[in-house]
C-alpha atoms as a PDB file:
ATOM      1  CA  UNK A   1     -54.919 -89.140  35.221  1.00  0.00           C
ATOM      2  CA  UNK A   2     -53.924 -90.554  38.627  1.00  0.00           C
ATOM      3  CA  UNK A   3     -54.073 -88.098  41.544  1.00  0.00           C
ATOM      4  CA  UNK A   4     -50.811 -87.330  43.332  1.00  0.00           C
ATOM      5  CA  UNK A   5     -50.396 -88.979  46.708  1.00  0.00           C
ATOM      6  CA  UNK A   6     -50.814 -86.479  49.507  1.00  0.00           C
ATOM      7  CA  UNK A   7     -48.394 -86.762  52.409  1.00  0.00           C
ATOM      8  CA  UNK A   8     -50.057 -85.546  55.592  1.00  0.00           C
ATOM      9  CA  UNK A   9     -48.028 -85.957  58.790  1.00  0.00           C
ATOM     10  CA  UNK A  10     -50.022 -88.051  61.253  1.00  0.00           C
ATOM     11  CA  UNK A  11     -48.653 -86.177  64.271  1.00  0.00           C
ATOM     12  CA  UNK A  12     -49.974 -82.872  62.918  1.00  0.00           C
ATOM     13  CA  UNK A  13     -53.435 -84.405  62.674  1.00  0.00           C
ATOM     14  CA  UNK A  14     -53.142 -85.874  66.181  1.00  0.00           C
ATOM     15  CA  UNK A  15     -52.232 -82.436  67.575  1.00  0.00           C
ATOM     16  CA  UNK A  16     -55.456 -81.067  66.042  1.00  0.00           C
ATOM     17  CA  UNK A  17     -57.662 -83.617  67.797  1.00  0.00           C
ATOM     18  CA  UNK A  18     -59.397 -82.168  70.852  1.00  0.00           C
ATOM     19  CA  UNK A  19     -61.417 -83.790  73.604  1.00  0.00           C
ATOM     20  CA  UNK A  20     -64.716 -81.893  73.779  1.00  0.00           C
ATOM     21  CA  UNK A  21     -67.870 -83.244  75.451  1.00  0.00           C
ATOM     22  CA  UNK A  22     -66.007 -86.517  76.080  1.00  0.00           C
ATOM     23  CA  UNK A  23     -65.534 -86.956  72.311  1.00  0.00           C
ATOM     24  CA  UNK A  24     -62.341 -86.861  70.282  1.00  0.00           C
ATOM     25  CA  UNK A  25     -63.051 -84.267  67.594  1.00  0.00           C
ATOM     26  CA  UNK A  26     -61.479 -82.163  64.877  1.00  0.00           C
ATOM     27  CA  UNK A  27     -62.663 -78.592  64.414  1.00  0.00           C
ATOM     28  CA  UNK A  28     -64.049 -77.297  61.132  1.00  0.00           C
ATOM     29  CA  UNK A  29     -61.164 -74.873  60.565  1.00  0.00           C
ATOM     30  CA  UNK A  30     -58.548 -77.632  60.965  1.00  0.00           C
ATOM     31  CA  UNK A  31     -60.468 -79.920  58.612  1.00  0.00           C
ATOM     32  CA  UNK A  32     -60.853 -77.143  56.047  1.00  0.00           C
ATOM     33  CA  UNK A  33     -57.106 -76.558  56.164  1.00  0.00           C
ATOM     34  CA  UNK A  34     -56.437 -80.273  55.606  1.00  0.00           C
ATOM     35  CA  UNK A  35     -58.977 -80.511  52.774  1.00  0.00           C
ATOM     36  CA  UNK A  36     -57.635 -77.378  51.116  1.00  0.00           C
ATOM     37  CA  UNK A  37     -60.949 -75.486  51.203  1.00  0.00           C
ATOM     38  CA  UNK A  38     -62.225 -72.492  53.111  1.00  0.00           C
ATOM     39  CA  UNK A  39     -64.027 -73.164  56.390  1.00  0.00           C
ATOM     40  CA  UNK A  40     -67.126 -71.458  54.985  1.00  0.00           C
ATOM     41  CA  UNK A  41     -67.150 -73.847  51.994  1.00  0.00           C
ATOM     42  CA  UNK A  42     -66.833 -76.890  54.263  1.00  0.00           C
ATOM     43  CA  UNK A  43     -69.721 -75.756  56.485  1.00  0.00           C
ATOM     44  CA  UNK A  44     -71.906 -74.951  53.460  1.00  0.00           C
ATOM     45  CA  UNK A  45     -71.355 -78.457  52.077  1.00  0.00           C
ATOM     46  CA  UNK A  46     -72.267 -79.950  55.460  1.00  0.00           C
ATOM     47  CA  UNK A  47     -75.399 -77.792  55.801  1.00  0.00           C
ATOM     48  CA  UNK A  48     -76.555 -78.869  52.330  1.00  0.00           C
ATOM     49  CA  UNK A  49     -76.371 -82.475  53.583  1.00  0.00           C
ATOM     50  CA  UNK A  50     -77.692 -82.073  57.149  1.00  0.00           C
ATOM     51  CA  UNK A  51     -79.319 -85.507  57.198  1.00  0.00           C
ATOM     52  CA  UNK A  52     -75.853 -87.091  56.924  1.00  0.00           C
ATOM     53  CA  UNK A  53     -74.595 -85.367  60.088  1.00  0.00           C
ATOM     54  CA  UNK A  54     -76.598 -86.281  63.200  1.00  0.00           C
ATOM     55  CA  UNK A  55     -75.573 -84.894  66.604  1.00  0.00           C
ATOM     56  CA  UNK A  56     -73.166 -87.775  67.293  1.00  0.00           C
ATOM     57  CA  UNK A  57     -71.290 -87.009  64.030  1.00  0.00           C
ATOM     58  CA  UNK A  58     -71.031 -83.230  64.368  1.00  0.00           C
ATOM     59  CA  UNK A  59     -71.997 -80.469  66.806  1.00  0.00           C
ATOM     60  CA  UNK A  60     -71.445 -76.755  67.168  1.00  0.00           C
ATOM     61  CA  UNK A  61     -69.528 -75.599  70.236  1.00  0.00           C
ATOM     62  CA  UNK A  62     -71.479 -73.643  72.837  1.00  0.00           C
ATOM     63  CA  UNK A  63     -70.522 -70.060  73.658  1.00  0.00           C
ATOM     64  CA  UNK A  64     -68.741 -71.254  76.810  1.00  0.00           C
ATOM     65  CA  UNK A  65     -66.823 -73.972  74.978  1.00  0.00           C
ATOM     66  CA  UNK A  66     -65.867 -71.489  72.260  1.00  0.00           C
ATOM     67  CA  UNK A  67     -64.668 -68.958  74.854  1.00  0.00           C
ATOM     68  CA  UNK A  68     -62.603 -71.643  76.624  1.00  0.00           C
ATOM     69  CA  UNK A  69     -61.126 -72.782  73.319  1.00  0.00           C
ATOM     70  CA  UNK A  70     -60.379 -69.206  72.333  1.00  0.00           C
ATOM     71  CA  UNK A  71     -58.499 -68.554  75.587  1.00  0.00           C
ATOM     72  CA  UNK A  72     -56.740 -71.944  75.374  1.00  0.00           C
ATOM     73  CA  UNK A  73     -55.469 -71.308  71.851  1.00  0.00           C
ATOM     74  CA  UNK A  74     -54.861 -67.595  72.315  1.00  0.00           C
ATOM     75  CA  UNK A  75     -57.224 -66.529  69.524  1.00  0.00           C
ATOM     76  CA  UNK A  76     -57.978 -62.830  69.357  1.00  0.00           C
ATOM     77  CA  UNK A  77     -61.524 -61.668  70.007  1.00  0.00           C
ATOM     78  CA  UNK A  78     -61.323 -59.045  67.288  1.00  0.00           C
ATOM     79  CA  UNK A  79     -59.982 -61.110  64.429  1.00  0.00           C
ATOM     80  CA  UNK A  80     -61.104 -64.348  62.901  1.00  0.00           C
ATOM     81  CA  UNK A  81     -64.459 -66.007  63.147  1.00  0.00           C
ATOM     82  CA  UNK A  82     -67.652 -64.573  64.560  1.00  0.00           C
ATOM     83  CA  UNK A  83     -69.446 -67.860  65.255  1.00  0.00           C
ATOM     84  CA  UNK A  84     -68.585 -70.939  67.290  1.00  0.00           C
ATOM     85  CA  UNK A  85     -66.801 -73.670  65.331  1.00  0.00           C
ATOM     86  CA  UNK A  86     -68.261 -77.031  64.475  1.00  0.00           C
ATOM     87  CA  UNK A  87     -66.644 -80.157  65.910  1.00  0.00           C
ATOM     88  CA  UNK A  88     -66.607 -83.388  63.892  1.00  0.00           C
ATOM     89  CA  UNK A  89     -66.307 -86.816  65.499  1.00  0.00           C
ATOM     90  CA  UNK A  90     -64.555 -89.712  63.785  1.00  0.00           C
ATOM     91  CA  UNK A  91     -67.852 -90.806  62.194  1.00  0.00           C
ATOM     92  CA  UNK A  92     -68.563 -87.266  61.007  1.00  0.00           C
ATOM     93  CA  UNK A  93     -65.142 -87.042  59.409  1.00  0.00           C
ATOM     94  CA  UNK A  94     -65.754 -90.337  57.612  1.00  0.00           C
ATOM     95  CA  UNK A  95     -69.055 -88.907  56.334  1.00  0.00           C
ATOM     96  CA  UNK A  96     -67.269 -85.807  55.011  1.00  0.00           C
ATOM     97  CA  UNK A  97     -65.672 -87.875  52.234  1.00  0.00           C
ATOM     98  CA  UNK A  98     -69.129 -88.459  50.740  1.00  0.00           C
ATOM     99  CA  UNK A  99     -69.911 -84.736  50.901  1.00  0.00           C
ATOM    100  CA  UNK A 100     -66.571 -83.423  49.680  1.00  0.00           C
ATOM    101  CA  UNK A 101     -66.117 -85.559  46.605  1.00  0.00           C
ATOM    102  CA  UNK A 102     -62.501 -85.078  45.596  1.00  0.00           C
ATOM    103  CA  UNK A 103     -59.407 -87.258  45.553  1.00  0.00           C
ATOM    104  CA  UNK A 104     -57.822 -84.958  48.152  1.00  0.00           C
ATOM    105  CA  UNK A 105     -60.832 -85.444  50.478  1.00  0.00           C
ATOM    106  CA  UNK A 106     -60.467 -89.216  50.244  1.00  0.00           C
ATOM    107  CA  UNK A 107     -56.722 -89.093  50.995  1.00  0.00           C
ATOM    108  CA  UNK A 108     -57.217 -86.677  53.887  1.00  0.00           C
ATOM    109  CA  UNK A 109     -59.972 -88.873  55.359  1.00  0.00           C
ATOM    110  CA  UNK A 110     -57.714 -91.923  55.215  1.00  0.00           C
ATOM    111  CA  UNK A 111     -54.965 -90.017  57.054  1.00  0.00           C
ATOM    112  CA  UNK A 112     -57.393 -88.728  59.694  1.00  0.00           C
ATOM    113  CA  UNK A 113     -58.950 -92.149  60.320  1.00  0.00           C
ATOM    114  CA  UNK A 114     -55.433 -93.603  60.699  1.00  0.00           C
ATOM    115  CA  UNK A 115     -54.639 -90.907  63.280  1.00  0.00           C
ATOM    116  CA  UNK A 116     -57.783 -91.788  65.275  1.00  0.00           C
ATOM    117  CA  UNK A 117     -56.896 -95.499  65.118  1.00  0.00           C
ATOM    118  CA  UNK A 118     -53.342 -94.756  66.292  1.00  0.00           C
ATOM    119  CA  UNK A 119     -54.636 -92.761  69.272  1.00  0.00           C
ATOM    120  CA  UNK A 120     -57.066 -95.559  70.149  1.00  0.00           C
ATOM    121  CA  UNK A 121     -54.237 -98.128  70.023  1.00  0.00           C
ATOM    122  CA  UNK A 122     -52.080 -95.985  72.332  1.00  0.00           C
ATOM    123  CA  UNK A 123     -54.918 -95.679  74.833  1.00  0.00           C
ATOM    124  CA  UNK A 124     -55.600 -99.437  74.731  1.00  0.00           C
ATOM    125  CA  UNK A 125     -51.931-100.342  75.190  1.00  0.00           C
ATOM    126  CA  UNK A 126     -51.787 -98.018  78.195  1.00  0.00           C
ATOM    127  CA  UNK A 127     -54.822 -99.760  79.725  1.00  0.00           C
ATOM    128  CA  UNK A 128     -53.277-103.200  79.147  1.00  0.00           C
ATOM    129  CA  UNK A 129     -50.006-102.114  80.752  1.00  0.00           C
ATOM    130  CA  UNK A 130     -51.892-100.708  83.729  1.00  0.00           C
ATOM    131  CA  UNK A 131     -53.795-103.972  84.221  1.00  0.00           C
ATOM    132  CA  UNK A 132     -50.609-106.064  84.046  1.00  0.00           C
ATOM    133  CA  UNK A 133     -48.933-103.724  86.499  1.00  0.00           C
ATOM    134  CA  UNK A 134     -51.807-104.095  88.994  1.00  0.00           C
ATOM    135  CA  UNK A 135     -51.580-107.908  88.785  1.00  0.00           C
ATOM    136  CA  UNK A 136     -47.846-107.814  89.371  1.00  0.00           C
ATOM    137  CA  UNK A 137     -48.269-105.413  92.282  1.00  0.00           C
ATOM    138  CA  UNK A 138     -50.799-107.741  93.925  1.00  0.00           C
ATOM    139  CA  UNK A 139     -48.266-110.608  93.800  1.00  0.00           C
ATOM    140  CA  UNK A 140     -45.597-108.651  95.659  1.00  0.00           C
ATOM    141  CA  UNK A 141     -45.230-109.382  99.340  1.00  0.00           C
ATOM    142  CA  UNK A 142     -47.171-106.805 101.314  1.00  0.00           C
ATOM    143  CA  UNK A 143     -44.229-106.399 103.732  1.00  0.00           C
ATOM    144  CA  UNK A 144     -41.632-105.218 101.195  1.00  0.00           C
ATOM    145  CA  UNK A 145     -41.648-101.411 101.364  1.00  0.00           C
ATOM    146  CA  UNK A 146     -38.781-100.927  98.867  1.00  0.00           C
ATOM    147  CA  UNK A 147     -40.671-102.737  96.133  1.00  0.00           C
ATOM    148  CA  UNK A 148     -43.781-100.686  96.959  1.00  0.00           C
ATOM    149  CA  UNK A 149     -41.714 -97.507  96.468  1.00  0.00           C
ATOM    150  CA  UNK A 150     -40.521 -98.777  93.073  1.00  0.00           C
ATOM    151  CA  UNK A 151     -44.091 -99.575  92.057  1.00  0.00           C
ATOM    152  CA  UNK A 152     -45.201 -96.087  93.054  1.00  0.00           C
ATOM    153  CA  UNK A 153     -42.418 -94.544  90.960  1.00  0.00           C
ATOM    154  CA  UNK A 154     -43.425 -96.654  87.954  1.00  0.00           C
ATOM    155  CA  UNK A 155     -47.067 -95.679  88.452  1.00  0.00           C
ATOM    156  CA  UNK A 156     -46.061 -92.001  88.327  1.00  0.00           C
ATOM    157  CA  UNK A 157     -44.159 -92.626  85.074  1.00  0.00           C
ATOM    158  CA  UNK A 158     -47.233 -94.283  83.539  1.00  0.00           C
ATOM    159  CA  UNK A 159     -49.320 -91.124  83.877  1.00  0.00           C
ATOM    160  CA  UNK A 160     -49.545 -89.696  80.352  1.00  0.00           C
ATOM    161  CA  UNK A 161     -48.040 -86.223  79.959  1.00  0.00           C
ATOM    162  CA  UNK A 162     -50.304 -83.258  79.310  1.00  0.00           C
ATOM    163  CA  UNK A 163     -50.477 -82.544  75.596  1.00  0.00           C
ATOM    164  CA  UNK A 164     -49.314 -79.085  74.728  1.00  0.00           C
ATOM    165  CA  UNK A 165     -51.611 -76.911  72.684  1.00  0.00           C
ATOM    166  CA  UNK A 166     -50.380 -76.714  69.099  1.00  0.00           C
ATOM    167  CA  UNK A 167     -48.760 -73.431  68.246  1.00  0.00           C
ATOM    168  CA  UNK A 168     -49.758 -71.957  64.955  1.00  0.00           C
ATOM    169  CA  UNK A 169     -47.896 -68.978  63.647  1.00  0.00           C
ATOM    170  CA  UNK A 170     -48.377 -67.500  60.202  1.00  0.00           C
ATOM    171  CA  UNK A 171     -50.474 -68.819  57.395  1.00  0.00           C
ATOM    172  CA  UNK A 172     -51.036 -72.490  56.624  1.00  0.00           C
ATOM    173  CA  UNK A 173     -51.248 -73.986  53.162  1.00  0.00           C
END
């Protein structure tokens, strides 16, 4: 029997990616939701296979990071989890497919890896545009103030907008 194809919106995955300790990561609760398992089950599977998850694949948030995340997302102190979440890097997420051996896990991993690749491509294209812009700016006559003003306006437009925190209301499936 062939498994049904799972359709996971890439933008919903991208909104779940956080920058923590200079790493792009997904939190255990978001991964559990995508994989269709409880967070506790996901963490148990990871702990049974600790040797597959070195520090550069997965880490647990510190108390300070957890408090900052809690205030950023508006999570209540009284409800929900009692321990700091685990953060999984792109390599850690790829390793999860070997731990969670289901067709859904494979499809979810493919979608997540595609989201990471898409983000990387956006960042690289922004860097290339910035480099081309600097070269063009250097060619402009130093005396022309109007062109300098235009370049400054373009530079301001190139600054990426702040990503809004995802709003989650109700129960997810």
